[in-house]
Amino acid sequence: MASILGIGNALTDILAILPDDTLLQELALPKGSMQHVDRETGNRIWEKLKQLGADLVAGGSAANTINGAATFGMESGFIGKVGDDDLGSLFKSNQEKDGIRSILLKGDNPTGRAMVLITPPNAERTFAVYLGAALELAPDDLHPEWFEGWDYFHTEGYLVQNQATVRRAIELAKAAGCRISIDLASYNVVEANIEFLHEIVEEYVDIVFANETEAEAFTGLPPREALDSIARICDTAVVKIGKDGSMVRRGDELHFIQARPAAAIDATGAGDLYAAGFLYAHSIGMPLKTCGDIGSAIAAKVVEVVGTKIDQPRWNAAKKEINELICLNQ
């Protein structure tokens, strides 16, 4: 089976379900927002969440995708930077347990954390992200031999706060013969790095994943036209449109992928796991539509749980559905 290497912000997800909006107001976090916070604010929020019995799990966009790929059976690796602390040890042990070959460098700052505050009545997510040691990942940290022997290389738009590191990683992956994919990650990240992202997609990237707001930020076009625009500058374009499914295009081949039925309670990680399913299907030679269908199938399972880790019964159900899709195309 094909192998995949990822690079991204090594963050520990800290998930807390709140009874109401009181803590959000106390911490001055607008409901539904995603804010980067400094070390002092991050520590203050973390201390509050500890009292609520928050769940901790290794996270970050690219890391979630790599974790999903590993669960599908792909040989998987991940490059990131963590702090010399308990959260860094947790991140490493989580990846080792999932069979991921990690290259986790140690930074001077604490391990980055994505604090997710989930509030009623619709399980709305409010993010407070402290990047910490993840911000210290630098071009000189990366070595060509780390990229050799991998079939796929996946990265995240969130990493482009350090453009030089992203460029170095993608250049090394391309030189090593990897197929390269990127998830654009967030419309505000795209807007802030538009020229750089266009440059690396046009020069290096084979597969682009974007949701509708990211696709519009990247192209200035609505989702359907954005799909066509992105597909003109890379091999394969994927635009996810939430509950309406997704669209995939490669050359003149175009497919609309229906969203799978799900009892959705939390959308965290849906895009990351869609990418994992798509890349797994792509790696075993499935038709383009089937790649989208498999991405959709696994995304439907992760929205049924809080956080990004799918329980074993749902994984088993997803794999059964996915195996049926694969059998239909063999």
Protein backbone atom coordinates (compact mmCIF):
# COMPACT_ATOMS: atom_id res chain seq x y z
CA MET A 1 0.00 0.00 0.00
CA ALA A 2 1.12 3.58 -0.68
CA SER A 3 2.68 5.72 2.04
CA ILE A 4 1.99 9.29 3.14
CA LEU A 5 4.03 11.91 5.00
CA GLY A 6 2.49 15.02 6.51
CA ILE A 7 3.76 18.25 7.98
CA GLY A 8 1.77 20.74 10.00
CA ASN A 9 1.16 22.47 13.30
CA ALA A 10 1.51 19.83 16.02
CA LEU A 11 -1.33 20.83 18.31
CA THR A 12 -3.07 19.08 21.16
CA ASP A 13 -6.83 19.45 20.84
CA ILE A 14 -8.46 20.33 24.14
CA LEU A 15 -12.21 19.79 23.86
CA ALA A 16 -14.63 21.07 26.46
CA ILE A 17 -18.43 20.96 26.38
CA LEU A 18 -19.83 24.00 28.20
CA PRO A 19 -23.31 24.25 29.74
CA ASP A 20 -23.82 27.79 28.40
CA ASP A 21 -21.97 30.87 27.09
CA THR A 22 -20.83 32.17 30.49
CA LEU A 23 -17.20 31.08 30.16
CA LEU A 24 -16.99 32.45 26.61
CA GLN A 25 -18.10 35.82 27.89
CA GLU A 26 -15.68 35.67 30.82
CA LEU A 27 -12.79 34.92 28.45
CA ALA A 28 -13.94 37.50 25.86
CA LEU A 29 -14.20 34.83 23.14
CA PRO A 30 -16.90 35.64 20.56
CA LYS A 31 -19.10 32.60 20.09
CA GLY A 32 -18.21 30.67 16.93
CA SER A 33 -14.94 32.52 16.37
CA MET A 34 -11.41 31.20 15.86
CA GLN A 35 -8.78 33.33 17.56
CA HIS A 36 -5.03 33.00 17.98
CA VAL A 37 -4.03 33.79 21.55
CA ASP A 38 -0.72 34.50 23.24
CA ARG A 39 0.96 32.29 25.81
CA GLU A 40 -0.50 34.06 28.84
CA THR A 41 -4.07 33.96 27.50
CA GLY A 42 -3.64 30.38 26.32
CA ASN A 43 -2.51 29.30 29.78
CA ARG A 44 -5.41 31.11 31.43
CA ILE A 45 -7.96 29.38 29.17
CA TRP A 46 -6.25 26.02 29.65
CA GLU A 47 -6.45 26.36 33.45
CA LYS A 48 -10.17 27.06 33.16
CA LEU A 49 -10.75 24.04 30.93
CA LYS A 50 -8.81 21.71 33.23
CA GLN A 51 -11.51 22.30 35.83
CA LEU A 52 -14.15 21.05 33.38
CA GLY A 53 -12.51 17.71 32.71
CA ALA A 54 -11.67 18.52 29.08
CA ASP A 55 -10.70 15.77 26.64
CA LEU A 56 -7.15 15.88 25.25
CA VAL A 57 -6.07 14.33 21.95
CA ALA A 58 -3.33 14.90 19.38
CA GLY A 59 -4.68 17.22 16.69
CA GLY A 60 -3.89 19.79 14.03
CA SER A 61 -5.30 19.67 10.51
CA ALA A 62 -2.53 17.76 8.71
CA ALA A 63 -1.98 15.48 11.70
CA ASN A 64 -5.68 14.55 11.68
CA THR A 65 -5.46 13.64 8.00
CA ILE A 66 -2.36 11.53 8.59
CA ASN A 67 -4.05 9.79 11.50
CA GLY A 68 -7.00 8.93 9.26
CA ALA A 69 -4.70 7.63 6.54
CA ALA A 70 -2.90 5.45 9.10
CA THR A 71 -6.23 3.99 10.22
CA PHE A 72 -6.96 3.07 6.60
CA GLY A 73 -3.69 1.14 6.61
CA MET A 74 -1.38 3.55 4.79
CA GLU A 75 2.19 3.73 6.08
CA SER A 76 2.17 7.19 7.63
CA GLY A 77 4.61 9.78 8.96
CA PHE A 78 4.37 13.28 10.40
CA ILE A 79 6.79 16.17 10.92
CA GLY A 80 6.11 18.82 13.54
CA LYS A 81 7.49 20.65 16.57
CA VAL A 82 6.26 20.35 20.15
CA GLY A 83 7.34 21.62 23.55
CA ASP A 84 9.26 19.68 26.19
CA ASP A 85 6.13 19.16 28.27
CA ASP A 86 3.25 16.81 29.07
CA LEU A 87 1.19 17.88 26.06
CA GLY A 88 4.15 17.23 23.76
CA SER A 89 4.55 13.75 25.25
CA LEU A 90 0.81 13.15 24.79
CA PHE A 91 1.02 14.17 21.12
CA LYS A 92 3.94 11.81 20.52
CA SER A 93 2.36 8.87 22.36
CA ASN A 94 -0.95 9.36 20.50
CA GLN A 95 0.82 9.24 17.15
CA GLU A 96 2.89 6.20 18.13
CA LYS A 97 -0.27 4.39 19.28
CA ASP A 98 -1.83 5.09 15.89
CA GLY A 99 1.19 3.66 14.07
CA ILE A 100 2.50 7.00 12.76
CA ARG A 101 6.25 7.44 12.33
CA SER A 102 6.70 10.84 13.92
CA ILE A 103 9.57 13.26 13.57
CA LEU A 104 8.73 15.59 16.44
CA LEU A 105 11.32 18.26 17.12
CA LYS A 106 11.47 20.06 20.48
CA GLY A 107 10.87 23.80 20.65
CA ASP A 108 11.54 26.37 23.38
CA ASN A 109 7.86 27.23 23.85
CA PRO A 110 5.11 24.95 25.21
CA THR A 111 3.31 22.56 22.90
CA GLY A 112 0.67 24.26 20.79
CA ARG A 113 -2.94 23.69 21.71
CA ALA A 114 -6.26 24.15 19.99
CA MET A 115 -8.83 24.77 22.70
CA VAL A 116 -12.31 23.97 21.42
CA LEU A 117 -15.23 25.22 23.51
CA ILE A 118 -18.50 23.57 22.46
CA THR A 119 -21.71 25.31 23.49
CA PRO A 120 -25.48 24.65 23.24
CA PRO A 121 -27.92 24.56 21.63
CA ASN A 122 -26.24 23.53 18.35
CA ALA A 123 -22.81 22.34 19.55
CA GLU A 124 -21.27 25.50 18.13
CA ARG A 125 -17.48 25.53 18.29
CA THR A 126 -15.36 28.45 19.52
CA PHE A 127 -11.61 28.09 19.04
CA ALA A 128 -8.77 29.62 21.01
CA VAL A 129 -5.49 28.52 19.41
CA TYR A 130 -2.07 28.95 20.98
CA LEU A 131 0.52 27.78 18.43
CA GLY A 132 3.45 27.69 20.86
CA ALA A 133 6.32 25.48 19.72
CA ALA A 134 4.61 24.77 16.38
CA LEU A 135 5.54 28.31 15.30
CA GLU A 136 9.22 27.49 15.74
CA LEU A 137 9.35 24.89 12.94
CA ALA A 138 11.94 26.38 10.56
CA PRO A 139 13.30 25.59 7.09
CA ASP A 140 16.68 24.53 8.50
CA ASP A 141 14.91 21.91 10.64
CA LEU A 142 13.99 19.93 7.51
CA HIS A 143 16.30 17.35 5.91
CA PRO A 144 15.98 15.80 2.43
CA GLU A 145 16.24 12.22 3.69
CA TRP A 146 13.06 12.66 5.75
CA PHE A 147 11.07 12.98 2.51
CA GLU A 148 12.59 10.11 0.57
CA GLY A 149 10.60 6.94 0.03
CA TRP A 150 7.14 8.43 0.61
CA ASP A 151 4.48 8.31 -2.11
CA TYR A 152 2.29 11.20 -0.92
CA PHE A 153 3.02 14.42 0.98
CA HIS A 154 0.25 16.40 2.67
CA THR A 155 0.32 19.81 4.31
CA GLU A 156 -2.10 22.38 5.69
CA GLY A 157 -2.77 26.03 4.97
CA TYR A 158 -2.49 26.80 8.68
CA LEU A 159 1.27 26.24 8.42
CA VAL A 160 1.78 29.17 6.05
CA GLN A 161 2.35 31.56 8.94
CA ASN A 162 5.90 30.45 8.08
CA GLN A 163 6.04 30.56 4.31
CA ALA A 164 9.73 29.65 4.12
CA THR A 165 9.12 26.40 6.01
CA VAL A 166 6.22 25.44 3.73
CA ARG A 167 8.25 26.20 0.62
CA ARG A 168 11.22 24.17 1.86
CA ALA A 169 9.02 21.19 2.77
CA ILE A 170 7.19 21.18 -0.56
CA GLU A 171 10.41 21.54 -2.54
CA LEU A 172 11.94 18.58 -0.69
CA ALA A 173 8.79 16.50 -1.19
CA LYS A 174 8.70 17.30 -4.90
CA ALA A 175 12.38 16.44 -5.28
CA ALA A 176 11.67 13.12 -3.55
CA GLY A 177 8.97 12.31 -6.11
CA CYS A 178 5.93 12.67 -3.83
CA ARG A 179 2.43 13.53 -4.98
CA ILE A 180 1.64 16.71 -3.06
CA SER A 181 -1.68 17.74 -1.53
CA ILE A 182 -2.68 20.78 0.50
CA ASP A 183 -5.76 21.64 2.51
CA LEU A 184 -6.25 25.41 2.35
CA ALA A 185 -7.47 25.32 5.97
CA SER A 186 -9.20 28.69 6.50
CA TYR A 187 -10.47 31.55 4.34
CA ASN A 188 -8.65 34.18 6.45
CA VAL A 189 -5.38 32.25 6.07
CA VAL A 190 -5.95 32.15 2.31
CA GLU A 191 -6.68 35.88 2.16
CA ALA A 192 -3.53 36.72 4.13
CA ASN A 193 -1.28 34.51 1.98
CA ILE A 194 -3.01 34.59 -1.40
CA GLU A 195 0.02 35.22 -3.63
CA PHE A 196 2.18 32.64 -1.88
CA LEU A 197 -0.54 29.96 -2.00
CA HIS A 198 -1.16 30.56 -5.71
CA GLU A 199 2.54 30.26 -6.38
CA ILE A 200 3.04 26.94 -4.59
CA VAL A 201 -0.17 25.41 -5.96
CA GLU A 202 0.78 26.30 -9.52
CA GLU A 203 4.38 25.11 -9.14
CA TYR A 204 4.18 22.10 -6.87
CA VAL A 205 0.73 20.90 -5.75
CA ASP A 206 -1.17 18.00 -7.32
CA ILE A 207 -4.34 17.93 -5.17
CA VAL A 208 -6.05 20.92 -3.52
CA PHE A 209 -8.72 20.56 -0.82
CA ALA A 210 -10.84 23.60 0.04
CA ASN A 211 -14.23 24.36 1.51
CA GLU A 212 -16.50 26.85 -0.22
CA THR A 213 -15.28 29.94 1.66
CA GLU A 214 -11.62 28.99 1.17
CA ALA A 215 -12.22 28.32 -2.54
CA GLU A 216 -13.90 31.70 -2.92
CA ALA A 217 -11.05 33.44 -1.08
CA PHE A 218 -8.50 31.65 -3.29
CA THR A 219 -10.19 32.45 -6.61
CA GLY A 220 -12.63 35.31 -6.00
CA LEU A 221 -15.35 33.09 -7.49
CA PRO A 222 -18.37 31.18 -6.13
CA PRO A 223 -17.78 27.48 -5.35
CA ARG A 224 -18.71 25.92 -8.70
CA GLU A 225 -16.59 28.35 -10.73
CA ALA A 226 -13.85 28.22 -8.09
CA LEU A 227 -13.58 24.46 -8.61
CA ASP A 228 -12.92 24.98 -12.31
CA SER A 229 -10.39 27.72 -11.62
CA ILE A 230 -8.42 25.61 -9.15
CA ALA A 231 -8.51 22.57 -11.45
CA ARG A 232 -6.83 24.62 -14.16
CA ILE A 233 -3.69 25.11 -12.06
CA CYS A 234 -3.32 21.67 -10.45
CA ASP A 235 -4.14 18.06 -11.29
CA THR A 236 -7.16 17.59 -9.00
CA ALA A 237 -9.42 20.08 -7.22
CA VAL A 238 -11.83 19.31 -4.38
CA VAL A 239 -14.34 21.86 -3.06
CA LYS A 240 -16.40 20.79 -0.02
CA ILE A 241 -19.81 22.42 0.37
CA GLY A 242 -20.88 21.25 3.82
CA LYS A 243 -24.20 19.45 4.09
CA ASP A 244 -24.54 19.69 0.29
CA GLY A 245 -21.55 17.41 -0.21
CA SER A 246 -18.54 18.18 -2.37
CA MET A 247 -17.37 18.68 -5.93
CA VAL A 248 -14.28 17.09 -7.50
CA ARG A 249 -12.63 17.87 -10.80
CA ARG A 250 -9.64 16.56 -12.75
CA GLY A 251 -9.22 17.89 -16.26
CA ASP A 252 -12.59 17.55 -18.01
CA GLU A 253 -13.87 15.02 -15.43
CA LEU A 254 -16.33 16.52 -12.95
CA HIS A 255 -18.41 14.89 -10.20
CA PHE A 256 -20.83 16.11 -7.55
CA ILE A 257 -20.52 14.01 -4.40
CA GLN A 258 -23.52 13.72 -2.11
CA ALA A 259 -23.02 14.10 1.62
CA ARG A 260 -23.65 10.86 3.49
CA PRO A 261 -26.42 10.71 6.10
CA ALA A 262 -25.14 11.51 9.59
CA ALA A 263 -26.43 12.48 13.03
CA ALA A 264 -24.09 15.45 13.16
CA ILE A 265 -23.11 16.92 16.52
CA ASP A 266 -19.64 18.40 15.84
CA ALA A 267 -18.02 19.26 12.51
CA THR A 268 -14.47 19.33 13.93
CA GLY A 269 -12.15 17.33 11.68
CA ALA A 270 -14.68 16.61 8.92
CA GLY A 271 -12.53 18.19 6.23
CA ASP A 272 -9.35 16.56 7.56
CA LEU A 273 -10.90 13.08 7.50
CA TYR A 274 -12.46 13.71 4.07
CA ALA A 275 -8.92 14.34 2.81
CA ALA A 276 -7.70 11.13 4.47
CA GLY A 277 -10.40 9.07 2.77
CA PHE A 278 -9.87 10.74 -0.58
CA LEU A 279 -6.08 10.27 -0.51
CA TYR A 280 -6.39 6.65 0.59
CA ALA A 281 -8.78 5.93 -2.30
CA HIS A 282 -6.53 7.87 -4.70
CA SER A 283 -3.51 5.84 -3.57
CA ILE A 284 -5.18 2.51 -4.44
CA GLY A 285 -6.19 3.72 -7.89
CA MET A 286 -9.90 4.36 -7.37
CA PRO A 287 -11.82 6.48 -9.91
CA LEU A 288 -12.17 10.16 -9.05
CA LYS A 289 -15.81 9.90 -8.03
CA THR A 290 -15.08 6.99 -5.72
CA CYS A 291 -12.31 9.02 -4.07
CA GLY A 292 -14.90 11.66 -3.27
CA ASP A 293 -17.44 9.09 -2.10
CA ILE A 294 -14.92 7.53 0.28
CA GLY A 295 -13.93 10.93 1.62
CA SER A 296 -17.60 11.71 2.19
CA ALA A 297 -18.21 8.36 3.91
CA ILE A 298 -15.56 8.88 6.56
CA ALA A 299 -16.41 12.57 7.05
CA ALA A 300 -19.98 11.51 7.88
CA LYS A 301 -18.67 9.40 10.76
CA VAL A 302 -16.46 12.03 12.39
CA VAL A 303 -19.28 14.60 12.60
CA GLU A 304 -21.19 12.13 14.80
CA VAL A 305 -18.60 12.40 17.60
CA VAL A 306 -17.14 15.30 19.58
CA GLY A 307 -13.62 15.93 18.33
CA THR A 308 -11.65 14.22 15.58
CA LYS A 309 -11.30 10.65 16.86
CA ILE A 310 -13.86 8.21 15.50
CA ASP A 311 -14.83 5.35 17.81
CA GLN A 312 -14.24 1.77 16.69
CA PRO A 313 -17.88 0.89 15.86
CA ARG A 314 -18.12 3.89 13.52
CA TRP A 315 -14.75 3.04 11.94
CA ASN A 316 -15.97 -0.50 11.37
CA ALA A 317 -19.18 0.75 9.76
CA ALA A 318 -17.24 3.20 7.59
CA LYS A 319 -14.76 0.56 6.45
CA LYS A 320 -17.61 -1.79 5.51
CA GLU A 321 -19.21 0.94 3.40
CA ILE A 322 -15.86 1.88 1.88
CA ASN A 323 -14.96 -1.72 1.04
CA GLU A 324 -18.26 -2.02 -0.81
CA LEU A 325 -17.41 1.09 -2.83
CA ILE A 326 -13.98 -0.33 -3.64
CA CYS A 327 -15.42 -3.70 -4.69
CA LEU A 328 -17.80 -1.97 -7.10
CA ASN A 329 -14.78 -0.43 -8.88
CA GLN A 330 -12.46 -3.40 -9.12
